[in-house]
Amino acid sequence: MYYIKVGNNIFNNPGGRLEDALDAFTQIFNNWRVALALTGTIVSIAFFNFAGLSVTKEMSATTRMILDSVRTFTVWIFSLIVKWQEFHWLQIVGFIILLCGMCLYNDVILRPLWIKICARYAKDGETEPLLRNIDVESSSQ
C-alpha cells in the first residue's frame, strides 16, 4: 500500500500515499500514547484469540459464536456507559435479529422438522420423494 499514490485529496499522508508504514513507525516511536494504544490492541487481540481457541477446544464452535455475539453486546453497552454513542432502539432490534439468525444457523434454536428436511434434500440434490416408505399398492385400494 505504500507504493499506491492517491494524492493529498483523500488522505493527508506525507507523499500522498495510501498507507505510509514508515510514518506510522515514526509516530509510534515519538508518542508514548500511540505506542501504549498499539500495545493494548496487540494484547487484546492476542487474549481474544487465545480465549476463542480455548472455548472452541473445550466446548464447541457454536459456543464460541454465541460468546462473540455477547462480546459485541458488551462493547456496545460499554460505549453507551462512557457516552461514546447514543442509544437507539433499532440497535437492540438488530442485535436480537443477529442472535436469532446465529442460533438458527447453529441449531441452538431447533428449527422445525420440515425446514431441516427441505434443507437436507436441497443440499444433497436428491430427487427422491420425502415419503419413501409408503406402500403404493395398499394405499390405492
Foldseek 3Di string as FASTA:
>chain_A
DQPAADDPPPPPDVPRGPDDVVVVVVVLVVDVVSVVVVVVVVVVVVVLVVVLVVCCVVPRNLVSVVVVLVVVVVVVVVCVVVVVDDDDPVVVVVSVVVVVVSCPVVVVPPDDPVVVLVVVCVVVVDDDDPPDPDDPVVVVD
